[in-house]
C-alpha atoms as a PDB file:
ATOM      1  CA  MET A   1     172.706  72.819  53.598  1.00  0.00           C
ATOM      2  CA  HIS A   2     169.184  74.361  55.206  1.00  0.00           C
ATOM      3  CA  PHE A   3     169.167  76.942  57.472  1.00  0.00           C
ATOM      4  CA  VAL A   4     166.327  77.572  59.749  1.00  0.00           C
ATOM      5  CA  PHE A   5     165.802  80.703  61.897  1.00  0.00           C
ATOM      6  CA  ASP A   6     163.544  81.278  64.727  1.00  0.00           C
ATOM      7  CA  LEU A   7     162.781  85.003  65.103  1.00  0.00           C
ATOM      8  CA  ASP A   8     162.161  86.816  68.578  1.00  0.00           C
ATOM      9  CA  GLY A   9     165.290  86.833  70.811  1.00  0.00           C
ATOM     10  CA  THR A  10     167.202  84.565  67.758  1.00  0.00           C
ATOM     11  CA  ILE A  11     167.637  86.889  65.306  1.00  0.00           C
ATOM     12  CA  CYS A  12     165.242  89.949  65.955  1.00  0.00           C
ATOM     13  CA  PHE A  13     165.829  91.524  69.210  1.00  0.00           C
ATOM     14  CA  LYS A  14     163.363  93.923  71.566  1.00  0.00           C
ATOM     15  CA  GLY A  15     160.642  94.016  69.051  1.00  0.00           C
ATOM     16  CA  GLN A  16     162.379  95.326  66.339  1.00  0.00           C
ATOM     17  CA  PRO A  17     162.876  93.980  62.840  1.00  0.00           C
ATOM     18  CA  VAL A  18     165.718  91.685  61.970  1.00  0.00           C
ATOM     19  CA  THR A  19     169.258  94.172  61.124  1.00  0.00           C
ATOM     20  CA  GLU A  20     170.605  94.742  57.839  1.00  0.00           C
ATOM     21  CA  PRO A  21     174.127  93.258  58.573  1.00  0.00           C
ATOM     22  CA  ILE A  22     171.927  89.838  60.190  1.00  0.00           C
ATOM     23  CA  LEU A  23     169.779  90.247  56.586  1.00  0.00           C
ATOM     24  CA  GLN A  24     173.436  90.408  54.577  1.00  0.00           C
ATOM     25  CA  SER A  25     174.629  87.350  56.388  1.00  0.00           C
ATOM     26  CA  LEU A  26     171.698  85.218  55.003  1.00  0.00           C
ATOM     27  CA  GLU A  27     171.688  86.746  51.540  1.00  0.00           C
ATOM     28  CA  GLN A  28     175.455  85.293  51.731  1.00  0.00           C
ATOM     29  CA  LEU A  29     173.843  81.854  53.033  1.00  0.00           C
ATOM     30  CA  THR A  30     171.477  81.847  50.107  1.00  0.00           C
ATOM     31  CA  ALA A  31     174.329  83.119  47.586  1.00  0.00           C
ATOM     32  CA  SER A  32     176.232  80.124  48.031  1.00  0.00           C
ATOM     33  CA  GLY A  33     173.535  77.729  47.703  1.00  0.00           C
ATOM     34  CA  HIS A  34     172.084  77.144  50.925  1.00  0.00           C
ATOM     35  CA  GLU A  35     168.305  77.494  51.975  1.00  0.00           C
ATOM     36  CA  VAL A  36     167.068  79.788  54.453  1.00  0.00           C
ATOM     37  CA  VAL A  37     163.873  79.043  56.142  1.00  0.00           C
ATOM     38  CA  PHE A  38     162.275  80.971  58.963  1.00  0.00           C
ATOM     39  CA  ALA A  39     160.011  78.982  61.529  1.00  0.00           C
ATOM     40  CA  SER A  40     158.040  81.632  64.046  1.00  0.00           C
ATOM     41  CA  ALA A  41     155.971  81.304  66.910  1.00  0.00           C
ATOM     42  CA  ARG A  42     154.261  84.186  64.833  1.00  0.00           C
ATOM     43  CA  PRO A  43     151.353  83.930  62.561  1.00  0.00           C
ATOM     44  CA  ILE A  44     152.496  84.604  59.188  1.00  0.00           C
ATOM     45  CA  ARG A  45     150.939  88.081  59.092  1.00  0.00           C
ATOM     46  CA  ASP A  46     153.288  88.868  61.917  1.00  0.00           C
ATOM     47  CA  LEU A  47     156.197  87.381  60.752  1.00  0.00           C
ATOM     48  CA  LEU A  48     156.521  89.694  57.734  1.00  0.00           C
ATOM     49  CA  PRO A  49     156.923  92.854  59.223  1.00  0.00           C
ATOM     50  CA  VAL A  50     160.052  92.124  60.803  1.00  0.00           C
ATOM     51  CA  LEU A  51     161.515  90.770  57.635  1.00  0.00           C
ATOM     52  CA  HIS A  52     162.570  93.227  54.810  1.00  0.00           C
ATOM     53  CA  LYS A  53     160.462  92.236  51.519  1.00  0.00           C
ATOM     54  CA  ARG A  54     163.193  90.895  49.563  1.00  0.00           C
ATOM     55  CA  PHE A  55     162.544  88.279  52.369  1.00  0.00           C
ATOM     56  CA  HIS A  56     159.239  87.366  51.962  1.00  0.00           C
ATOM     57  CA  GLY A  57     159.248  85.033  49.441  1.00  0.00           C
ATOM     58  CA  TYR A  58     161.431  82.883  51.570  1.00  0.00           C
ATOM     59  CA  LYS A  59     160.103  79.750  52.906  1.00  0.00           C
ATOM     60  CA  MET A  60     158.481  80.429  56.426  1.00  0.00           C
ATOM     61  CA  ILE A  61     157.122  78.862  59.004  1.00  0.00           C
ATOM     62  CA  GLY A  62     153.959  80.198  61.759  1.00  0.00           C
ATOM     63  CA  GLY A  63     152.123  79.535  64.399  1.00  0.00           C
ATOM     64  CA  ASN A  64     154.442  77.285  65.362  1.00  0.00           C
ATOM     65  CA  GLY A  65     154.135  74.699  62.607  1.00  0.00           C
ATOM     66  CA  SER A  66     150.711  75.760  61.984  1.00  0.00           C
ATOM     67  CA  LEU A  67     151.157  77.865  59.198  1.00  0.00           C
ATOM     68  CA  LEU A  68     153.882  77.572  55.854  1.00  0.00           C
ATOM     69  CA  CYS A  69     154.671  80.236  53.664  1.00  0.00           C
ATOM     70  CA  GLN A  70     156.152  79.455  50.503  1.00  0.00           C
ATOM     71  CA  ASN A  71     156.647  81.877  47.765  1.00  0.00           C
ATOM     72  CA  GLY A  72     154.271  84.633  49.368  1.00  0.00           C
ATOM     73  CA  ASN A  73     151.683  81.771  49.253  1.00  0.00           C
ATOM     74  CA  ILE A  74     150.283  80.780  53.155  1.00  0.00           C
ATOM     75  CA  LYS A  75     148.745  77.749  53.421  1.00  0.00           C
ATOM     76  CA  GLN A  76     147.001  76.389  56.494  1.00  0.00           C
ATOM     77  CA  VAL A  77     148.039  73.021  57.971  1.00  0.00           C
ATOM     78  CA  ALA A  78     146.678  72.265  61.254  1.00  0.00           C
ATOM     79  CA  ARG A  79     143.809  74.253  63.269  1.00  0.00           C
ATOM     80  CA  PHE A  80     142.084  72.729  66.757  1.00  0.00           C
ATOM     81  CA  SER A  81     139.431  70.256  66.162  1.00  0.00           C
ATOM     82  CA  PRO A  82     135.796  71.830  67.274  1.00  0.00           C
ATOM     83  CA  THR A  83     135.661  69.207  70.120  1.00  0.00           C
ATOM     84  CA  ILE A  84     139.051  70.662  71.769  1.00  0.00           C
ATOM     85  CA  LEU A  85     137.830  74.094  71.216  1.00  0.00           C
ATOM     86  CA  VAL A  86     134.809  73.631  73.317  1.00  0.00           C
ATOM     87  CA  LYS A  87     136.810  72.759  75.987  1.00  0.00           C
ATOM     88  CA  LEU A  88     139.371  74.992  75.529  1.00  0.00           C
ATOM     89  CA  LYS A  89     136.934  77.677  75.417  1.00  0.00           C
ATOM     90  CA  ALA A  90     135.286  76.344  78.576  1.00  0.00           C
ATOM     91  CA  LEU A  91     138.819  76.801  80.648  1.00  0.00           C
ATOM     92  CA  LEU A  92     139.224  80.176  79.195  1.00  0.00           C
ATOM     93  CA  GLU A  93     135.964  80.825  80.965  1.00  0.00           C
ATOM     94  CA  LYS A  94     136.607  78.777  83.827  1.00  0.00           C
ATOM     95  CA  TYR A  95     140.007  80.464  84.646  1.00  0.00           C
ATOM     96  CA  GLN A  96     139.091  83.645  83.426  1.00  0.00           C
ATOM     97  CA  ALA A  97     141.630  84.150  81.230  1.00  0.00           C
ATOM     98  CA  THR A  98     142.549  86.773  78.963  1.00  0.00           C
ATOM     99  CA  TYR A  99     144.367  85.537  75.338  1.00  0.00           C
ATOM    100  CA  LEU A 100     145.448  86.350  71.986  1.00  0.00           C
ATOM    101  CA  ILE A 101     143.963  83.760  69.613  1.00  0.00           C
ATOM    102  CA  ASP A 102     145.101  83.357  66.131  1.00  0.00           C
ATOM    103  CA  GLY A 103     142.880  82.293  63.080  1.00  0.00           C
ATOM    104  CA  ASP A 104     144.952  81.718  59.272  1.00  0.00           C
ATOM    105  CA  TRP A 105     145.187  85.506  59.348  1.00  0.00           C
ATOM    106  CA  ASP A 106     142.670  87.361  61.340  1.00  0.00           C
ATOM    107  CA  TYR A 107     142.684  87.190  65.535  1.00  0.00           C
ATOM    108  CA  ALA A 108     141.022  88.029  68.520  1.00  0.00           C
ATOM    109  CA  TYR A 109     142.456  89.956  71.508  1.00  0.00           C
ATOM    110  CA  THR A 110     141.205  90.301  74.648  1.00  0.00           C
ATOM    111  CA  GLY A 111     144.384  90.797  77.190  1.00  0.00           C
ATOM    112  CA  PRO A 112     145.853  94.087  78.498  1.00  0.00           C
ATOM    113  CA  ALA A 113     146.020  97.154  76.832  1.00  0.00           C
ATOM    114  CA  ASP A 114     149.524  97.750  77.741  1.00  0.00           C
ATOM    115  CA  HIS A 115     150.754  94.121  77.318  1.00  0.00           C
ATOM    116  CA  PRO A 116     153.871  94.156  75.648  1.00  0.00           C
ATOM    117  CA  ILE A 117     153.004  91.651  73.311  1.00  0.00           C
ATOM    118  CA  LEU A 118     150.853  94.140  71.534  1.00  0.00           C
ATOM    119  CA  ASN A 119     154.437  95.475  70.309  1.00  0.00           C
ATOM    120  CA  ASN A 120     154.432  92.909  67.672  1.00  0.00           C
ATOM    121  CA  LEU A 121     150.423  92.455  67.014  1.00  0.00           C
ATOM    122  CA  ASN A 122     149.368  93.525  63.577  1.00  0.00           C
ATOM    123  CA  PRO A 123     151.963  96.373  63.793  1.00  0.00           C
ATOM    124  CA  HIS A 124     150.852  96.916  59.743  1.00  0.00           C
ATOM    125  CA  ASN A 125     147.315  96.731  60.003  1.00  0.00           C
ATOM    126  CA  LEU A 126     147.326  93.524  57.681  1.00  0.00           C
ATOM    127  CA  ALA A 127     144.538  91.684  59.747  1.00  0.00           C
ATOM    128  CA  GLU A 128     141.244  92.470  62.010  1.00  0.00           C
ATOM    129  CA  LYS A 129     140.943  91.882  65.413  1.00  0.00           C
ATOM    130  CA  LYS A 130     137.201  90.045  65.652  1.00  0.00           C
ATOM    131  CA  PRO A 131     135.423  88.200  68.173  1.00  0.00           C
ATOM    132  CA  LEU A 132     136.724  84.515  69.126  1.00  0.00           C
ATOM    133  CA  GLU A 133     133.017  83.307  67.639  1.00  0.00           C
ATOM    134  CA  LYS A 134     134.188  85.317  64.434  1.00  0.00           C
ATOM    135  CA  LEU A 135     137.373  83.675  63.489  1.00  0.00           C
ATOM    136  CA  ASN A 136     136.420  80.759  60.887  1.00  0.00           C
ATOM    137  CA  SER A 137     139.361  78.926  61.981  1.00  0.00           C
ATOM    138  CA  ILE A 138     142.067  78.648  64.843  1.00  0.00           C
ATOM    139  CA  ILE A 139     145.594  77.941  64.815  1.00  0.00           C
ATOM    140  CA  LYS A 140     147.083  78.868  68.425  1.00  0.00           C
ATOM    141  CA  ILE A 141     146.311  80.275  71.721  1.00  0.00           C
ATOM    142  CA  LEU A 142     148.726  82.938  73.867  1.00  0.00           C
ATOM    143  CA  ILE A 143     147.034  82.577  77.381  1.00  0.00           C
ATOM    144  CA  LEU A 144     148.011  85.945  79.057  1.00  0.00           C
ATOM    145  CA  THR A 145     146.513  86.073  82.298  1.00  0.00           C
ATOM    146  CA  SER A 146     144.419  84.415  84.485  1.00  0.00           C
ATOM    147  CA  CYS A 147     142.981  83.928  87.690  1.00  0.00           C
ATOM    148  CA  ASN A 148     145.114  81.001  88.415  1.00  0.00           C
ATOM    149  CA  MET A 149     147.560  80.291  86.014  1.00  0.00           C
ATOM    150  CA  ASP A 150     148.597  77.012  87.572  1.00  0.00           C
ATOM    151  CA  ALA A 151     145.833  75.524  87.791  1.00  0.00           C
ATOM    152  CA  LEU A 152     144.386  76.372  84.283  1.00  0.00           C
ATOM    153  CA  HIS A 153     148.043  75.020  82.887  1.00  0.00           C
ATOM    154  CA  GLU A 154     147.408  71.632  84.823  1.00  0.00           C
ATOM    155  CA  ASP A 155     143.740  71.629  83.277  1.00  0.00           C
ATOM    156  CA  LEU A 156     145.321  71.609  79.992  1.00  0.00           C
ATOM    157  CA  LYS A 157     147.580  68.850  80.450  1.00  0.00           C
ATOM    158  CA  GLN A 158     144.789  66.666  80.839  1.00  0.00           C
ATOM    159  CA  LEU A 159     143.744  68.122  76.676  1.00  0.00           C
ATOM    160  CA  ASP A 160     145.085  66.984  73.279  1.00  0.00           C
ATOM    161  CA  VAL A 161     147.284  69.988  72.621  1.00  0.00           C
ATOM    162  CA  ILE A 162     150.902  71.099  72.508  1.00  0.00           C
ATOM    163  CA  ILE A 163     151.634  73.507  75.803  1.00  0.00           C
ATOM    164  CA  HIS A 164     154.720  75.607  75.688  1.00  0.00           C
ATOM    165  CA  LEU A 165     155.354  77.808  78.976  1.00  0.00           C
ATOM    166  CA  HIS A 166     157.265  80.900  78.688  1.00  0.00           C
ATOM    167  CA  ARG A 167     158.201  81.791  81.893  1.00  0.00           C
ATOM    168  CA  ASP A 168     159.897  84.681  81.766  1.00  0.00           C
ATOM    169  CA  GLU A 169     156.614  86.135  80.234  1.00  0.00           C
ATOM    170  CA  GLY A 170     154.437  84.675  82.584  1.00  0.00           C
ATOM    171  CA  ILE A 171     152.422  83.184  79.075  1.00  0.00           C
ATOM    172  CA  LEU A 172     150.912  79.952  78.098  1.00  0.00           C
ATOM    173  CA  ASP A 173     151.254  78.877  74.253  1.00  0.00           C
ATOM    174  CA  ILE A 174     149.049  76.441  72.918  1.00  0.00           C
ATOM    175  CA  SER A 175     148.947  74.707  69.582  1.00  0.00           C
ATOM    176  CA  PRO A 176     147.003  71.849  68.055  1.00  0.00           C
ATOM    177  CA  THR A 177     148.259  68.133  68.575  1.00  0.00           C
ATOM    178  CA  GLY A 178     151.271  67.049  66.581  1.00  0.00           C
ATOM    179  CA  ILE A 179     151.961  70.536  65.480  1.00  0.00           C
ATOM    180  CA  HIS A 180     155.619  72.043  65.775  1.00  0.00           C
ATOM    181  CA  LYS A 181     158.284  73.314  64.161  1.00  0.00           C
ATOM    182  CA  TRP A 182     159.584  69.726  63.250  1.00  0.00           C
ATOM    183  CA  SER A 183     156.270  68.604  61.330  1.00  0.00           C
ATOM    184  CA  ALA A 184     156.382  71.684  59.995  1.00  0.00           C
ATOM    185  CA  LEU A 185     159.935  71.370  58.276  1.00  0.00           C
ATOM    186  CA  LYS A 186     158.651  67.917  56.688  1.00  0.00           C
ATOM    187  CA  GLN A 187     156.189  69.536  55.284  1.00  0.00           C
ATOM    188  CA  LEU A 188     158.506  71.833  53.389  1.00  0.00           C
ATOM    189  CA  HIS A 189     160.851  68.327  52.457  1.00  0.00           C
ATOM    190  CA  ILE A 190     163.392  69.212  55.130  1.00  0.00           C
ATOM    191  CA  SER A 191     165.089  65.792  56.430  1.00  0.00           C
ATOM    192  CA  SER A 192     166.362  65.127  59.590  1.00  0.00           C
ATOM    193  CA  GLY A 193     169.949  66.175  60.068  1.00  0.00           C
ATOM    194  CA  SER A 194     169.672  68.061  56.891  1.00  0.00           C
ATOM    195  CA  TYR A 195     169.829  71.397  58.681  1.00  0.00           C
ATOM    196  CA  ILE A 196     171.188  74.114  61.362  1.00  0.00           C
ATOM    197  CA  ALA A 197     169.084  75.195  63.429  1.00  0.00           C
ATOM    198  CA  PHE A 198     168.944  78.507  65.506  1.00  0.00           C
ATOM    199  CA  GLY A 199     166.366  79.235  68.100  1.00  0.00           C
ATOM    200  CA  ASN A 200     166.094  80.625  72.040  1.00  0.00           C
ATOM    201  CA  ASP A 201     163.018  78.771  73.770  1.00  0.00           C
ATOM    202  CA  THR A 202     160.958  75.691  74.101  1.00  0.00           C
ATOM    203  CA  ASN A 203     159.133  75.903  71.087  1.00  0.00           C
ATOM    204  CA  ASP A 204     162.430  75.271  69.304  1.00  0.00           C
ATOM    205  CA  ILE A 205     163.135  71.865  70.653  1.00  0.00           C
ATOM    206  CA  SER A 206     161.472  69.802  68.009  1.00  0.00           C
ATOM    207  CA  MET A 207     163.603  71.435  65.630  1.00  0.00           C
ATOM    208  CA  PHE A 208     166.782  71.103  67.625  1.00  0.00           C
ATOM    209  CA  GLU A 209     166.420  67.622  67.919  1.00  0.00           C
ATOM    210  CA  HIS A 210     165.983  66.562  64.653  1.00  0.00           C
ATOM    211  CA  ALA A 211     168.775  69.194  63.229  1.00  0.00           C
ATOM    212  CA  HIS A 212     172.296  68.544  61.941  1.00  0.00           C
ATOM    213  CA  HIS A 213     173.603  70.991  64.448  1.00  0.00           C
ATOM    214  CA  ALA A 214     171.723  73.457  66.644  1.00  0.00           C
ATOM    215  CA  VAL A 215     172.705  76.968  67.997  1.00  0.00           C
ATOM    216  CA  MET A 216     171.302  78.233  71.026  1.00  0.00           C
ATOM    217  CA  ILE A 217     170.413  81.865  71.552  1.00  0.00           C
ATOM    218  CA  GLY A 218     170.936  83.125  75.026  1.00  0.00           C
ATOM    219  CA  HIS A 219     170.439  80.229  77.773  1.00  0.00           C
ATOM    220  CA  HIS A 220     167.359  78.475  78.231  1.00  0.00           C
ATOM    221  CA  GLU A 221     167.810  75.643  80.609  1.00  0.00           C
ATOM    222  CA  ILE A 222     165.052  73.452  78.640  1.00  0.00           C
ATOM    223  CA  LEU A 223     166.324  73.846  75.729  1.00  0.00           C
ATOM    224  CA  ALA A 224     170.173  74.259  76.337  1.00  0.00           C
ATOM    225  CA  PRO A 225     170.537  69.850  76.281  1.00  0.00           C
ATOM    226  CA  TYR A 226     168.777  69.745  72.999  1.00  0.00           C
ATOM    227  CA  SER A 227     171.825  72.185  71.499  1.00  0.00           C
ATOM    228  CA  ASP A 228     175.188  71.912  70.142  1.00  0.00           C
ATOM    229  CA  GLU A 229     176.443  75.448  71.027  1.00  0.00           C
ATOM    230  CA  SER A 230     175.270  78.506  72.219  1.00  0.00           C
ATOM    231  CA  ILE A 231     175.975  82.414  71.767  1.00  0.00           C
ATOM    232  CA  THR A 232     175.877  84.753  74.222  1.00  0.00           C
ATOM    233  CA  ASN A 233     172.777  87.020  74.126  1.00  0.00           C
ATOM    234  CA  ASP A 234     174.603  90.282  75.487  1.00  0.00           C
ATOM    235  CA  ILE A 235     175.577  93.550  73.274  1.00  0.00           C
ATOM    236  CA  ASN A 236     177.453  91.668  70.876  1.00  0.00           C
ATOM    237  CA  VAL A 237     174.680  88.564  70.108  1.00  0.00           C
ATOM    238  CA  GLU A 238     174.353  90.221  66.531  1.00  0.00           C
ATOM    239  CA  GLN A 239     177.919  90.499  65.332  1.00  0.00           C
ATOM    240  CA  GLN A 240     178.407  86.903  67.100  1.00  0.00           C
ATOM    241  CA  ILE A 241     175.512  85.640  64.686  1.00  0.00           C
ATOM    242  CA  ILE A 242     177.081  87.002  62.045  1.00  0.00           C
ATOM    243  CA  GLU A 243     180.356  85.561  62.802  1.00  0.00           C
ATOM    244  CA  LYS A 244     178.887  82.340  63.261  1.00  0.00           C
ATOM    245  CA  LEU A 245     177.166  82.104  59.936  1.00  0.00           C
ATOM    246  CA  ALA A 246     180.595  83.479  57.914  1.00  0.00           C
ATOM    247  CA  GLU A 247     182.057  79.991  59.776  1.00  0.00           C
ATOM    248  CA  PHE A 248     178.900  77.893  58.591  1.00  0.00           C
ATOM    249  CA  ASN A 249     179.208  79.250  54.725  1.00  0.00           C
ATOM    250  CA  VAL A 250     182.700  78.163  54.705  1.00  0.00           C
ATOM    251  CA  ARG A 251     182.259  74.806  56.655  1.00  0.00           C
ATOM    252  CA  TYR A 252     179.176  73.604  54.868  1.00  0.00           C
ATOM    253  CA  ALA A 253     180.212  75.028  51.262  1.00  0.00           C
END
């Protein structure tokens, strides 16, 4: 069985790396013959710092499906087309939006100097902050602030892109059309119904839809209809995850 894990808010919390007890549970899965895959909204450069180096050879999905990493080798799956980029840049200017925009490795950032997202951005200085026009390709856009976020959201809906609204953070997350975690799983030759998924937000819907079993961490009203069970995100969340993985390890042996 494949086990596919989102990271932030699912198996790592408050910007901290995945803890050793959870890492050991993941290793127990692989020791039993299962395959562990990480699928995050983070680009690969920001995914690596929250995983111990011994996991860097595992399969990874970054940028909500725009990037794949296998055996430490990163492959770009998708980017915004030049035509869409022109329209996106016009909307950013129109609505005075600040952003985090990811290339395949480097990034552009114009958001507030104290924005919480900076806690997870390039923590090991693996990439370079560049002006937007200096990025060779663009795989994902996070809109952090705007003079009118609701109107910007409505205008974005007219474009051929995928939009995730993270209500708790007030962020719009934009990916190229047809790109999501399930599209990336197919690129990794993981078939529908052949994996267990763990996630916590709307960008996990596509992989929940095709999972054999889907576990939601915490409660998200939009994701909930696609989940088979949930784990309460409280002080005991990590222990509950560990126990659930041990249960699945036996059930799917």
